[in-house]
């Protein structure tokens, strides 16, 4: 068996893995990315929304191939049909074509010097002194890679971190099951506006409508796994039947899966290991979105890995600077998102009607950005029946 040697083996060619690979390769490290699927970016298990500022270091400009629709506002729709529009504070929002998007990120990483290998499944690790041997299979053949560092970027079903003794199991009540369809043949009046439908239409979750132009949209929902009265697919089917806009549309893609809505892992490293993206639970607890978090984490981890390479020390003591710096940058944000999800999950349909009807009193952009709940606390304190919600926000 031929042994290949790299400084770093990255498992998973999603946004986090590619971001790490690009930055590390640009910094002079030899990097190989092992992607178990036959094509980067497939299958799509994502609403495909992102803030373009997350890509500033990639220097990729929005275009029709990668990014069919810019987003300017969000329409919130209550259980009784009341609605409120919130305009974005920046022109940053976009709906992307995830397959093309992920391939572009991987291509940029490859251009920086990283080696991308599809249909290559990591199967285990073993230690060899201060080195790690990663076992893999490709086209039925066994491969081995010797490296100083392994990056676990293998998503919500991550196995790599567990090989290093890191516990990554999720509490059942902090997982959500999702279903989504991409519809074509639509006639949307406001393609630059995304929609969020809340209440019993999707208990303790929400339905999203993310346009990809005037004639296409991703329509999906996510609800807690613990709610087992109906499946996510059943809730989605009911929603689609009730909205006349979708009556004559065609489904050109459907998907389902599980997303994480918990807090991140407390530690993202071990000796010779860094964990990035969804594998580290670096997501928004409100919507499970993680592309932006994954890209930022991958870039940060690569900078710390570069320092470790210069010091020739890939111990947890050195690598844990990544965890500390990530929490310094994002800790307050993700904790506030977690609090917001708990608060809004505790509202009844009538209370959600009240919130949407009076949403102009809330600083929704600040809540979505995880910046704080000053106005929200004052808002809930005004109505005696909603005072209980405040406890979630501290």
Protein backbone atom coordinates (compact mmCIF):
# COMPACT_ATOMS: atom_id res chain seq x y z
CA UNK A 1 0.00 0.00 0.00
CA UNK A 2 1.37 3.39 -1.03
CA UNK A 3 1.61 5.94 1.78
CA UNK A 4 1.04 9.58 0.79
CA UNK A 5 2.35 12.34 3.01
CA UNK A 6 0.77 15.75 3.61
CA UNK A 7 0.92 18.32 6.37
CA UNK A 8 -2.86 18.24 6.72
CA UNK A 9 -5.67 15.84 5.81
CA UNK A 10 -9.07 17.53 5.62
CA UNK A 11 -12.10 15.25 5.71
CA UNK A 12 -15.03 16.88 3.92
CA UNK A 13 -15.09 19.31 0.98
CA UNK A 14 -17.92 21.53 2.18
CA UNK A 15 -17.47 25.27 2.75
CA UNK A 16 -15.51 24.78 5.98
CA UNK A 17 -13.17 22.18 4.55
CA UNK A 18 -12.51 24.17 1.39
CA UNK A 19 -11.98 27.39 3.35
CA UNK A 20 -9.41 25.67 5.54
CA UNK A 21 -7.71 24.03 2.54
CA UNK A 22 -7.45 27.29 0.58
CA UNK A 23 -6.01 29.28 3.48
CA UNK A 24 -3.61 26.58 4.64
CA UNK A 25 -2.35 25.87 1.11
CA UNK A 26 -1.89 29.57 0.47
CA UNK A 27 0.19 29.70 3.66
CA UNK A 28 2.48 26.97 2.34
CA UNK A 29 1.09 23.82 3.97
CA UNK A 30 0.54 20.69 1.88
CA UNK A 31 -3.15 19.80 2.11
CA UNK A 32 -5.34 17.00 0.80
CA UNK A 33 -9.14 17.09 1.05
CA UNK A 34 -10.97 13.75 1.16
CA UNK A 35 -14.59 13.97 -0.03
CA UNK A 36 -16.61 10.77 0.25
CA UNK A 37 -19.15 11.72 -2.42
CA UNK A 38 -18.56 11.57 -6.15
CA UNK A 39 -19.16 15.30 -6.58
CA UNK A 40 -18.47 18.25 -4.31
CA UNK A 41 -21.65 19.97 -3.10
CA UNK A 42 -24.02 17.04 -3.62
CA UNK A 43 -26.59 16.30 -2.38
CA UNK A 44 -27.98 19.71 -1.47
CA UNK A 45 -29.21 19.76 2.13
CA UNK A 46 -29.45 23.49 2.61
CA UNK A 47 -31.79 26.45 2.10
CA UNK A 48 -28.88 28.02 0.16
CA UNK A 49 -28.88 31.45 1.84
CA UNK A 50 -25.64 33.24 2.74
CA UNK A 51 -24.19 36.64 3.48
CA UNK A 52 -21.71 37.45 0.71
CA UNK A 53 -19.34 39.21 3.12
CA UNK A 54 -18.48 35.74 4.43
CA UNK A 55 -16.62 35.22 1.15
CA UNK A 56 -14.46 38.35 1.28
CA UNK A 57 -11.22 36.35 1.46
CA UNK A 58 -12.21 34.14 -1.47
CA UNK A 59 -12.64 37.21 -3.68
CA UNK A 60 -15.60 35.61 -5.47
CA UNK A 61 -18.09 38.07 -6.94
CA UNK A 62 -21.83 37.31 -7.07
CA UNK A 63 -22.94 36.11 -10.48
CA UNK A 64 -25.91 34.32 -11.99
CA UNK A 65 -24.21 30.92 -12.02
CA UNK A 66 -23.33 30.92 -8.33
CA UNK A 67 -25.86 33.37 -7.00
CA UNK A 68 -29.17 33.66 -8.87
CA UNK A 69 -30.85 36.06 -6.43
CA UNK A 70 -29.86 38.95 -4.16
CA UNK A 71 -32.10 39.39 -1.12
CA UNK A 72 -33.16 42.76 0.26
CA UNK A 73 -35.81 41.96 2.89
CA UNK A 74 -37.66 39.33 4.91
CA UNK A 75 -41.44 38.97 5.08
CA UNK A 76 -42.57 37.46 8.39
CA UNK A 77 -46.01 35.81 8.23
CA UNK A 78 -47.94 34.96 11.40
CA UNK A 79 -50.30 32.00 11.93
CA UNK A 80 -53.38 34.10 11.09
CA UNK A 81 -51.78 35.65 8.02
CA UNK A 82 -50.58 38.92 9.53
CA UNK A 83 -47.29 40.02 7.98
CA UNK A 84 -44.43 42.41 8.53
CA UNK A 85 -41.50 43.24 6.24
CA UNK A 86 -38.03 43.82 7.63
CA UNK A 87 -35.51 45.39 5.26
CA UNK A 88 -31.93 44.19 5.58
CA UNK A 89 -29.48 46.66 7.08
CA UNK A 90 -26.92 45.73 4.38
CA UNK A 91 -27.01 44.47 0.79
CA UNK A 92 -25.30 41.27 1.85
CA UNK A 93 -27.98 38.58 1.50
CA UNK A 94 -27.95 36.12 -1.41
CA UNK A 95 -29.50 32.81 -2.39
CA UNK A 96 -26.86 30.60 -4.01
CA UNK A 97 -26.77 27.51 -6.17
CA UNK A 98 -25.17 25.29 -3.56
CA UNK A 99 -23.68 22.70 -5.91
CA UNK A 100 -21.98 25.34 -8.06
CA UNK A 101 -21.06 27.32 -4.96
CA UNK A 102 -19.32 24.43 -3.18
CA UNK A 103 -17.51 23.45 -6.36
CA UNK A 104 -16.27 27.02 -6.75
CA UNK A 105 -14.90 27.06 -3.20
CA UNK A 106 -13.17 23.72 -3.79
CA UNK A 107 -11.76 24.98 -7.10
CA UNK A 108 -10.34 28.06 -5.39
CA UNK A 109 -8.74 25.79 -2.79
CA UNK A 110 -7.27 23.62 -5.53
CA UNK A 111 -5.89 26.69 -7.30
CA UNK A 112 -4.19 27.65 -4.04
CA UNK A 113 -2.42 24.28 -4.04
CA UNK A 114 -4.70 21.91 -2.14
CA UNK A 115 -5.39 18.42 -3.51
CA UNK A 116 -9.10 17.54 -3.76
CA UNK A 117 -10.03 13.84 -3.92
CA UNK A 118 -13.67 12.87 -4.47
CA UNK A 119 -15.12 9.39 -3.85
CA UNK A 120 -12.53 9.01 -1.11
CA UNK A 121 -13.96 7.91 2.21
CA UNK A 122 -11.88 8.24 5.38
CA UNK A 123 -12.28 5.02 7.37
CA UNK A 124 -10.12 5.49 10.46
CA UNK A 125 -6.95 6.83 12.04
CA UNK A 126 -3.99 5.53 13.99
CA UNK A 127 -1.10 7.27 15.66
CA UNK A 128 2.52 6.92 14.62
CA UNK A 129 4.58 8.90 17.07
CA UNK A 130 3.61 12.55 16.55
CA UNK A 131 2.03 11.75 13.20
CA UNK A 132 -1.44 10.52 12.24
CA UNK A 133 -2.12 7.84 9.64
CA UNK A 134 -5.52 8.33 8.00
CA UNK A 135 -6.95 5.23 6.33
CA UNK A 136 -9.29 5.69 3.37
CA UNK A 137 -10.95 3.88 0.49
CA UNK A 138 -11.24 5.07 -3.10
CA UNK A 139 -12.78 2.96 -5.87
CA UNK A 140 -12.50 -0.05 -3.54
CA UNK A 141 -8.76 0.43 -2.99
CA UNK A 142 -7.25 1.11 0.41
CA UNK A 143 -5.19 4.26 0.83
CA UNK A 144 -3.18 5.74 3.67
CA UNK A 145 -2.20 9.33 4.31
CA UNK A 146 0.42 10.39 6.84
CA UNK A 147 -0.03 13.86 8.29
CA UNK A 148 0.55 16.08 11.30
CA UNK A 149 -3.01 17.38 11.46
CA UNK A 150 -6.49 16.10 10.65
CA UNK A 151 -9.34 18.55 10.08
CA UNK A 152 -12.83 17.17 10.76
CA UNK A 153 -15.09 19.01 8.31
CA UNK A 154 -17.40 16.06 7.77
CA UNK A 155 -20.71 17.64 8.75
CA UNK A 156 -23.45 16.77 11.18
CA UNK A 157 -22.78 13.05 10.90
CA UNK A 158 -19.09 13.60 11.79
CA UNK A 159 -17.17 10.48 12.69
CA UNK A 160 -13.67 11.89 12.51
CA UNK A 161 -13.81 13.78 15.82
CA UNK A 162 -15.00 10.61 17.56
CA UNK A 163 -11.92 8.77 16.31
CA UNK A 164 -9.90 11.23 18.39
CA UNK A 165 -12.07 10.73 21.48
CA UNK A 166 -14.17 13.89 21.12
CA UNK A 167 -17.83 13.36 22.03
CA UNK A 168 -20.05 14.88 19.33
CA UNK A 169 -23.46 13.30 20.00
CA UNK A 170 -26.41 15.69 19.91
CA UNK A 171 -29.20 15.91 22.49
CA UNK A 172 -32.37 14.69 20.66
CA UNK A 173 -34.25 17.89 21.53
CA UNK A 174 -31.60 19.97 19.77
CA UNK A 175 -31.94 18.38 16.37
CA UNK A 176 -34.45 19.40 13.73
CA UNK A 177 -35.75 17.42 10.80
CA UNK A 178 -36.06 19.32 7.54
CA UNK A 179 -37.76 18.92 4.18
CA UNK A 180 -37.35 21.15 1.14
CA UNK A 181 -38.37 21.33 -2.49
CA UNK A 182 -37.04 23.53 -5.25
CA UNK A 183 -40.00 24.70 -7.30
CA UNK A 184 -39.98 25.95 -10.89
CA UNK A 185 -42.70 27.58 -12.97
CA UNK A 186 -43.51 30.23 -10.37
CA UNK A 187 -44.50 33.86 -10.84
CA UNK A 188 -43.14 35.54 -7.74
CA UNK A 189 -43.87 39.25 -7.41
CA UNK A 190 -40.96 39.99 -5.06
CA UNK A 191 -38.04 37.64 -5.76
CA UNK A 192 -35.70 39.81 -3.68
CA UNK A 193 -37.76 39.08 -0.57
CA UNK A 194 -37.50 35.88 1.45
CA UNK A 195 -40.44 34.69 3.53
CA UNK A 196 -40.60 33.18 7.02
CA UNK A 197 -43.94 31.58 8.04
CA UNK A 198 -44.27 30.78 11.74
CA UNK A 199 -46.68 29.04 14.11
CA UNK A 200 -48.66 25.82 13.80
CA UNK A 201 -47.80 25.65 10.11
CA UNK A 202 -44.50 24.29 11.47
CA UNK A 203 -44.60 23.92 15.28
CA UNK A 204 -41.56 25.37 17.08
CA UNK A 205 -39.92 25.89 13.71
CA UNK A 206 -40.75 27.79 10.55
CA UNK A 207 -41.37 27.51 6.83
CA UNK A 208 -39.05 29.37 4.49
CA UNK A 209 -39.54 30.58 0.94
CA UNK A 210 -36.20 31.52 -0.61
CA UNK A 211 -36.58 32.80 -4.20
CA UNK A 212 -33.92 31.98 -6.78
CA UNK A 213 -35.43 34.40 -9.28
CA UNK A 214 -39.03 35.25 -10.25
CA UNK A 215 -39.72 31.73 -11.47
CA UNK A 216 -37.94 29.49 -8.93
CA UNK A 217 -37.75 29.13 -5.15
CA UNK A 218 -36.61 26.84 -2.37
CA UNK A 219 -39.55 26.11 -0.08
CA UNK A 220 -38.83 24.14 3.04
CA UNK A 221 -39.24 23.81 6.77
CA UNK A 222 -37.56 22.48 9.86
CA UNK A 223 -39.12 21.30 13.09
CA UNK A 224 -37.79 19.58 16.22
CA UNK A 225 -37.15 15.86 15.91
CA UNK A 226 -39.00 15.40 19.20
CA UNK A 227 -42.28 16.48 17.53
CA UNK A 228 -43.32 13.20 16.00
CA UNK A 229 -47.04 13.69 15.30
CA UNK A 230 -46.32 14.33 11.61
CA UNK A 231 -43.22 14.24 9.46
CA UNK A 232 -41.52 17.31 8.04
CA UNK A 233 -42.57 16.16 4.58
CA UNK A 234 -46.24 16.05 5.66
CA UNK A 235 -46.10 19.55 7.11
CA UNK A 236 -44.44 20.82 3.92
CA UNK A 237 -47.02 19.15 1.69
CA UNK A 238 -49.83 20.79 3.66
CA UNK A 239 -48.20 24.21 3.36
CA UNK A 240 -47.71 23.89 -0.38
CA UNK A 241 -51.33 22.86 -0.92
CA UNK A 242 -52.66 25.90 0.96
CA UNK A 243 -50.60 28.49 -0.97
CA UNK A 244 -52.10 29.17 -4.40
CA UNK A 245 -48.79 30.49 -5.72
CA UNK A 246 -47.45 26.95 -5.79
CA UNK A 247 -50.46 25.22 -7.34
CA UNK A 248 -49.12 25.03 -10.90
CA UNK A 249 -45.42 24.76 -10.06
CA UNK A 250 -43.15 21.78 -10.63
CA UNK A 251 -40.73 20.18 -8.19
CA UNK A 252 -37.28 20.03 -9.79
CA UNK A 253 -35.46 18.88 -6.67
CA UNK A 254 -36.42 17.65 -3.24
CA UNK A 255 -34.32 16.98 -0.19
CA UNK A 256 -34.57 16.12 3.48
CA UNK A 257 -32.21 15.79 6.38
CA UNK A 258 -31.30 16.64 9.94
CA UNK A 259 -29.87 19.94 11.17
CA UNK A 260 -28.35 20.93 14.48
CA UNK A 261 -29.85 23.76 16.54
CA UNK A 262 -27.70 23.33 19.66
CA UNK A 263 -24.81 25.31 21.05
CA UNK A 264 -21.33 24.64 19.60
CA UNK A 265 -18.93 22.12 21.08
CA UNK A 266 -17.02 23.55 24.04
CA UNK A 267 -13.69 22.55 22.49
CA UNK A 268 -12.85 22.25 18.79
CA UNK A 269 -9.44 20.60 19.10
CA UNK A 270 -7.48 17.63 20.37
CA UNK A 271 -3.90 16.57 19.74
CA UNK A 272 -3.48 16.61 15.93
CA UNK A 273 -7.17 17.49 15.39
CA UNK A 274 -9.24 20.57 14.52
CA UNK A 275 -13.02 20.49 14.01
CA UNK A 276 -14.77 23.03 11.77
CA UNK A 277 -18.28 23.85 10.60
CA UNK A 278 -21.30 21.72 11.36
CA UNK A 279 -19.06 18.98 12.76
CA UNK A 280 -18.23 21.46 15.54
CA UNK A 281 -21.89 22.60 15.76
CA UNK A 282 -20.87 26.05 14.51
CA UNK A 283 -24.32 27.01 13.28
CA UNK A 284 -27.15 29.42 14.03
CA UNK A 285 -29.51 27.82 16.54
CA UNK A 286 -32.40 29.78 15.04
CA UNK A 287 -32.24 28.32 11.54
CA UNK A 288 -29.42 25.76 11.49
CA UNK A 289 -27.60 27.86 8.89
CA UNK A 290 -23.87 27.29 8.91
CA UNK A 291 -22.16 28.19 5.63
CA UNK A 292 -20.88 31.54 6.87
CA UNK A 293 -19.79 30.10 10.23
CA UNK A 294 -18.02 27.20 8.49
CA UNK A 295 -16.07 29.44 6.12
CA UNK A 296 -14.94 31.77 8.92
CA UNK A 297 -14.01 28.83 11.15
CA UNK A 298 -12.07 27.11 8.37
CA UNK A 299 -10.05 30.24 7.67
CA UNK A 300 -9.35 30.86 11.36
CA UNK A 301 -8.38 27.23 11.99
CA UNK A 302 -5.98 27.32 9.03
CA UNK A 303 -4.18 30.37 10.41
CA UNK A 304 -3.73 28.63 13.78
CA UNK A 305 -2.61 25.45 11.99
CA UNK A 306 -0.01 27.50 10.11
CA UNK A 307 1.35 28.75 13.44
CA UNK A 308 1.44 25.17 14.73
CA UNK A 309 3.37 24.08 11.63
CA UNK A 310 5.97 26.80 12.16
CA UNK A 311 6.39 25.64 15.76
CA UNK A 312 6.30 21.97 14.70
CA UNK A 313 3.79 21.40 17.47
CA UNK A 314 0.27 20.14 16.73
CA UNK A 315 -0.67 19.43 20.32
CA UNK A 316 -4.02 20.49 21.76
CA UNK A 317 -2.20 23.08 23.84
CA UNK A 318 -1.21 24.92 20.65
CA UNK A 319 -4.28 24.19 18.53
CA UNK A 320 -6.77 25.23 21.23
CA UNK A 321 -6.00 28.84 20.39
CA UNK A 322 -8.49 28.25 17.57
CA UNK A 323 -11.28 27.47 20.06
CA UNK A 324 -10.48 30.48 22.22
CA UNK A 325 -10.32 32.88 19.27
CA UNK A 326 -13.51 31.50 17.71
CA UNK A 327 -15.48 31.98 20.93
CA UNK A 328 -14.01 35.46 21.29
CA UNK A 329 -15.36 36.32 17.84
CA UNK A 330 -18.60 34.35 17.71
CA UNK A 331 -19.45 33.18 21.22
CA UNK A 332 -21.88 35.96 22.13
CA UNK A 333 -23.54 35.70 18.71
CA UNK A 334 -24.26 31.97 18.87
CA UNK A 335 -25.37 32.10 22.50
CA UNK A 336 -27.83 34.89 21.70
CA UNK A 337 -29.17 32.91 18.74
CA UNK A 338 -29.72 29.95 21.05
CA UNK A 339 -31.63 32.15 23.50
CA UNK A 340 -33.75 33.60 20.67
CA UNK A 341 -34.76 30.13 19.48
CA UNK A 342 -35.80 29.11 22.98
CA UNK A 343 -37.82 32.30 23.42
CA UNK A 344 -39.75 32.14 20.17
CA UNK A 345 -40.34 28.39 20.51
CA UNK A 346 -42.28 29.18 23.67
CA UNK A 347 -44.88 31.37 21.90
CA UNK A 348 -48.40 30.24 21.00
CA UNK A 349 -50.04 31.05 17.67
CA UNK A 350 -51.98 33.99 19.15
CA UNK A 351 -48.81 35.32 20.75
CA UNK A 352 -46.91 34.99 17.47
CA UNK A 353 -49.73 36.97 15.79
CA UNK A 354 -49.19 39.71 18.37
CA UNK A 355 -45.41 39.69 17.84
CA UNK A 356 -45.65 39.96 14.05
CA UNK A 357 -48.37 42.62 14.23
CA UNK A 358 -46.12 44.74 16.47
CA UNK A 359 -42.77 43.75 14.99
CA UNK A 360 -41.88 47.36 14.26
CA UNK A 361 -41.17 47.66 18.00
CA UNK A 362 -38.47 44.98 17.79
CA UNK A 363 -34.97 45.41 16.40
CA UNK A 364 -35.21 42.27 14.26
CA UNK A 365 -31.91 42.83 12.43
CA UNK A 366 -30.06 42.95 15.76
CA UNK A 367 -31.83 39.81 16.99
CA UNK A 368 -30.98 37.95 13.77
CA UNK A 369 -27.36 39.05 14.06
CA UNK A 370 -27.25 37.87 17.67
CA UNK A 371 -26.29 41.33 18.93
CA UNK A 372 -28.69 41.63 21.83
CA UNK A 373 -32.26 41.79 23.09
CA UNK A 374 -32.65 45.28 24.56
CA UNK A 375 -35.77 46.24 22.60
CA UNK A 376 -37.12 42.69 22.67
CA UNK A 377 -37.02 42.55 26.47
CA UNK A 378 -38.87 45.89 26.75
CA UNK A 379 -41.41 44.64 24.19
CA UNK A 380 -42.19 41.40 26.04
CA UNK A 381 -42.29 43.13 29.43
CA UNK A 382 -45.13 45.39 28.22
CA UNK A 383 -47.56 42.46 27.89
CA UNK A 384 -48.13 40.46 31.11
CA UNK A 385 -48.75 37.18 29.29
CA UNK A 386 -45.37 37.48 27.55
CA UNK A 387 -43.23 38.34 30.58
CA UNK A 388 -42.32 34.66 30.90
CA UNK A 389 -40.47 34.89 27.55
CA UNK A 390 -37.91 37.28 29.03
CA UNK A 391 -36.35 34.51 31.12
CA UNK A 392 -35.01 32.93 27.92
CA UNK A 393 -33.16 36.11 26.96
CA UNK A 394 -30.81 36.32 29.95
